[in-house]
Amino acid sequence: MEPDMHHSANWYFDFISPFSYLQFKTFQRLPDSLDVRLVPILFAGLLNHWEQKGPAEIPRKRTDTYQYCHWYAERHGIPFKTPPAHPFNPLKSLRLAIALNTTHEVV
């Protein structure tokens, strides 16, 4: 990438996803020439559209996902704690992020 070239990317996320959190915590590693636009989405809406269950709704998959996320976080030095209840309804948090222009500081 040339030093004076700027690129942009959309990053779609939902607060319910531990993968969104883990990925967001690695953004400081991205080049300064990359402008990342944060785009909140409702993951449950995608799941409902495709008539799928979320990983947290399937006991074995939930366990495996949590184990993997803890392993990944520890390996990359990211503080990580699972929420007391999961799945939870992230809609109010998503709406608040949108109302506050979904900046990196807000997320």
C-alpha atoms as a PDB file:
ATOM      1  CA  MET A   1       0.000   0.000   0.000  1.00  0.00           C
ATOM      2  CA  GLU A   2       1.385   3.399  -0.918  1.00  0.00           C
ATOM      3  CA  PRO A   3       1.859   5.717   2.087  1.00  0.00           C
ATOM      4  CA  ASP A   4      -0.459   8.460   0.801  1.00  0.00           C
ATOM      5  CA  MET A   5      -3.275   6.140  -0.339  1.00  0.00           C
ATOM      6  CA  HIS A   6      -6.326   5.918   1.881  1.00  0.00           C
ATOM      7  CA  HIS A   7      -8.683   2.986   1.830  1.00  0.00           C
ATOM      8  CA  SER A   8     -11.989   2.421   3.542  1.00  0.00           C
ATOM      9  CA  ALA A   9     -13.913  -0.588   4.756  1.00  0.00           C
ATOM     10  CA  ASN A  10     -17.262  -1.168   6.399  1.00  0.00           C
ATOM     11  CA  TRP A  11     -17.232  -3.241   9.579  1.00  0.00           C
ATOM     12  CA  TYR A  12     -20.610  -4.767  10.408  1.00  0.00           C
ATOM     13  CA  PHE A  13     -21.062  -5.733  14.052  1.00  0.00           C
ATOM     14  CA  ASP A  14     -23.548  -6.558  16.771  1.00  0.00           C
ATOM     15  CA  PHE A  15     -22.791  -6.142  20.471  1.00  0.00           C
ATOM     16  CA  ILE A  16     -24.188  -9.626  21.079  1.00  0.00           C
ATOM     17  CA  SER A  17     -21.294 -11.239  19.235  1.00  0.00           C
ATOM     18  CA  PRO A  18     -18.125 -11.949  21.204  1.00  0.00           C
ATOM     19  CA  PHE A  19     -16.349 -12.060  17.843  1.00  0.00           C
ATOM     20  CA  SER A  20     -17.307  -8.427  17.222  1.00  0.00           C
ATOM     21  CA  TYR A  21     -15.732  -7.473  20.539  1.00  0.00           C
ATOM     22  CA  LEU A  22     -12.549  -9.444  19.895  1.00  0.00           C
ATOM     23  CA  GLN A  23     -12.153  -8.055  16.404  1.00  0.00           C
ATOM     24  CA  PHE A  24     -12.811  -4.475  17.529  1.00  0.00           C
ATOM     25  CA  LYS A  25     -10.048  -4.811  20.115  1.00  0.00           C
ATOM     26  CA  THR A  26      -7.546  -5.538  17.318  1.00  0.00           C
ATOM     27  CA  PHE A  27      -8.346  -2.409  15.283  1.00  0.00           C
ATOM     28  CA  GLN A  28      -5.276  -0.595  16.636  1.00  0.00           C
ATOM     29  CA  ARG A  29      -3.193  -2.988  14.514  1.00  0.00           C
ATOM     30  CA  LEU A  30      -4.787  -1.731  11.303  1.00  0.00           C
ATOM     31  CA  PRO A  31      -2.847   0.743   9.165  1.00  0.00           C
ATOM     32  CA  ASP A  32      -3.645   4.423   9.687  1.00  0.00           C
ATOM     33  CA  SER A  33      -4.424   4.659   5.976  1.00  0.00           C
ATOM     34  CA  LEU A  34      -7.493   2.439   6.472  1.00  0.00           C
ATOM     35  CA  ASP A  35     -10.698   4.231   7.409  1.00  0.00           C
ATOM     36  CA  VAL A  36     -13.061   1.758   9.077  1.00  0.00           C
ATOM     37  CA  ARG A  37     -16.739   2.743   9.094  1.00  0.00           C
ATOM     38  CA  LEU A  38     -18.586   1.022  11.947  1.00  0.00           C
ATOM     39  CA  VAL A  39     -22.002  -0.311  10.910  1.00  0.00           C
ATOM     40  CA  PRO A  40     -24.260  -1.753  13.619  1.00  0.00           C
ATOM     41  CA  ILE A  41     -26.500  -4.623  12.522  1.00  0.00           C
ATOM     42  CA  LEU A  42     -28.995  -6.809  14.333  1.00  0.00           C
ATOM     43  CA  PHE A  43     -27.480 -10.301  14.121  1.00  0.00           C
ATOM     44  CA  ALA A  44     -30.792 -11.837  15.211  1.00  0.00           C
ATOM     45  CA  GLY A  45     -32.414 -10.231  12.165  1.00  0.00           C
ATOM     46  CA  LEU A  46     -30.004 -12.066   9.873  1.00  0.00           C
ATOM     47  CA  LEU A  47     -30.580 -15.320  11.733  1.00  0.00           C
ATOM     48  CA  ASN A  48     -34.356 -14.903  11.557  1.00  0.00           C
ATOM     49  CA  HIS A  49     -34.244 -14.074   7.853  1.00  0.00           C
ATOM     50  CA  TRP A  50     -32.343 -17.280   7.103  1.00  0.00           C
ATOM     51  CA  GLU A  51     -34.321 -19.293   9.702  1.00  0.00           C
ATOM     52  CA  GLN A  52     -31.203 -20.132  11.705  1.00  0.00           C
ATOM     53  CA  LYS A  53     -30.458 -20.349  15.409  1.00  0.00           C
ATOM     54  CA  GLY A  54     -27.628 -18.308  16.856  1.00  0.00           C
ATOM     55  CA  PRO A  55     -24.569 -20.046  18.307  1.00  0.00           C
ATOM     56  CA  ALA A  56     -25.626 -19.105  21.852  1.00  0.00           C
ATOM     57  CA  GLU A  57     -28.974 -20.871  21.355  1.00  0.00           C
ATOM     58  CA  ILE A  58     -27.301 -24.243  20.711  1.00  0.00           C
ATOM     59  CA  PRO A  59     -25.795 -25.547  23.982  1.00  0.00           C
ATOM     60  CA  ARG A  60     -22.736 -27.337  22.555  1.00  0.00           C
ATOM     61  CA  LYS A  61     -21.988 -24.540  20.098  1.00  0.00           C
ATOM     62  CA  ARG A  62     -22.345 -21.945  22.876  1.00  0.00           C
ATOM     63  CA  THR A  63     -19.814 -23.829  25.009  1.00  0.00           C
ATOM     64  CA  ASP A  64     -17.366 -24.219  22.122  1.00  0.00           C
ATOM     65  CA  THR A  65     -17.737 -20.557  21.146  1.00  0.00           C
ATOM     66  CA  TYR A  66     -17.057 -19.354  24.692  1.00  0.00           C
ATOM     67  CA  GLN A  67     -14.044 -21.629  25.040  1.00  0.00           C
ATOM     68  CA  TYR A  68     -12.624 -20.432  21.739  1.00  0.00           C
ATOM     69  CA  CYS A  69     -13.214 -16.757  22.592  1.00  0.00           C
ATOM     70  CA  HIS A  70     -11.500 -17.126  25.975  1.00  0.00           C
ATOM     71  CA  TRP A  71      -8.562 -18.890  24.309  1.00  0.00           C
ATOM     72  CA  TYR A  72      -8.290 -16.245  21.567  1.00  0.00           C
ATOM     73  CA  ALA A  73      -8.545 -13.363  24.032  1.00  0.00           C
ATOM     74  CA  GLU A  74      -5.865 -14.819  26.293  1.00  0.00           C
ATOM     75  CA  ARG A  75      -3.577 -15.507  23.343  1.00  0.00           C
ATOM     76  CA  HIS A  76      -3.906 -11.921  22.088  1.00  0.00           C
ATOM     77  CA  GLY A  77      -3.891 -10.176  25.475  1.00  0.00           C
ATOM     78  CA  ILE A  78      -7.492  -8.987  25.210  1.00  0.00           C
ATOM     79  CA  PRO A  79      -9.512  -8.730  28.437  1.00  0.00           C
ATOM     80  CA  PHE A  80     -12.560 -10.941  28.001  1.00  0.00           C
ATOM     81  CA  LYS A  81     -15.454 -11.905  30.218  1.00  0.00           C
ATOM     82  CA  THR A  82     -18.658 -13.572  29.091  1.00  0.00           C
ATOM     83  CA  PRO A  83     -21.859 -11.705  29.956  1.00  0.00           C
ATOM     84  CA  PRO A  84     -23.971 -13.016  32.845  1.00  0.00           C
ATOM     85  CA  ALA A  85     -26.807 -13.817  30.415  1.00  0.00           C
ATOM     86  CA  HIS A  86     -26.354 -14.777  26.784  1.00  0.00           C
ATOM     87  CA  PRO A  87     -28.058 -14.447  24.416  1.00  0.00           C
ATOM     88  CA  PHE A  88     -29.313 -11.017  25.437  1.00  0.00           C
ATOM     89  CA  ASN A  89     -31.181  -8.291  23.572  1.00  0.00           C
ATOM     90  CA  PRO A  90     -28.633  -5.817  22.125  1.00  0.00           C
ATOM     91  CA  LEU A  91     -31.230  -3.611  20.415  1.00  0.00           C
ATOM     92  CA  LYS A  92     -31.066  -0.681  22.871  1.00  0.00           C
ATOM     93  CA  SER A  93     -27.254  -0.649  22.725  1.00  0.00           C
ATOM     94  CA  LEU A  94     -27.312  -0.737  18.919  1.00  0.00           C
ATOM     95  CA  ARG A  95     -29.827   2.123  18.792  1.00  0.00           C
ATOM     96  CA  LEU A  96     -27.732   4.156  21.217  1.00  0.00           C
ATOM     97  CA  ALA A  97     -24.608   3.582  19.113  1.00  0.00           C
ATOM     98  CA  ILE A  98     -26.495   4.784  16.028  1.00  0.00           C
ATOM     99  CA  ALA A  99     -27.838   7.838  17.873  1.00  0.00           C
ATOM    100  CA  LEU A 100     -24.255   8.720  18.859  1.00  0.00           C
ATOM    101  CA  ASN A 101     -22.976   8.326  15.261  1.00  0.00           C
ATOM    102  CA  THR A 102     -21.311   4.943  15.912  1.00  0.00           C
ATOM    103  CA  THR A 103     -17.828   6.354  16.451  1.00  0.00           C
ATOM    104  CA  HIS A 104     -14.923   4.221  17.655  1.00  0.00           C
ATOM    105  CA  GLU A 105     -15.157   5.960  21.050  1.00  0.00           C
ATOM    106  CA  VAL A 106     -18.862   5.106  21.351  1.00  0.00           C
ATOM    107  CA  VAL A 107     -18.417   1.449  20.447  1.00  0.00           C
END
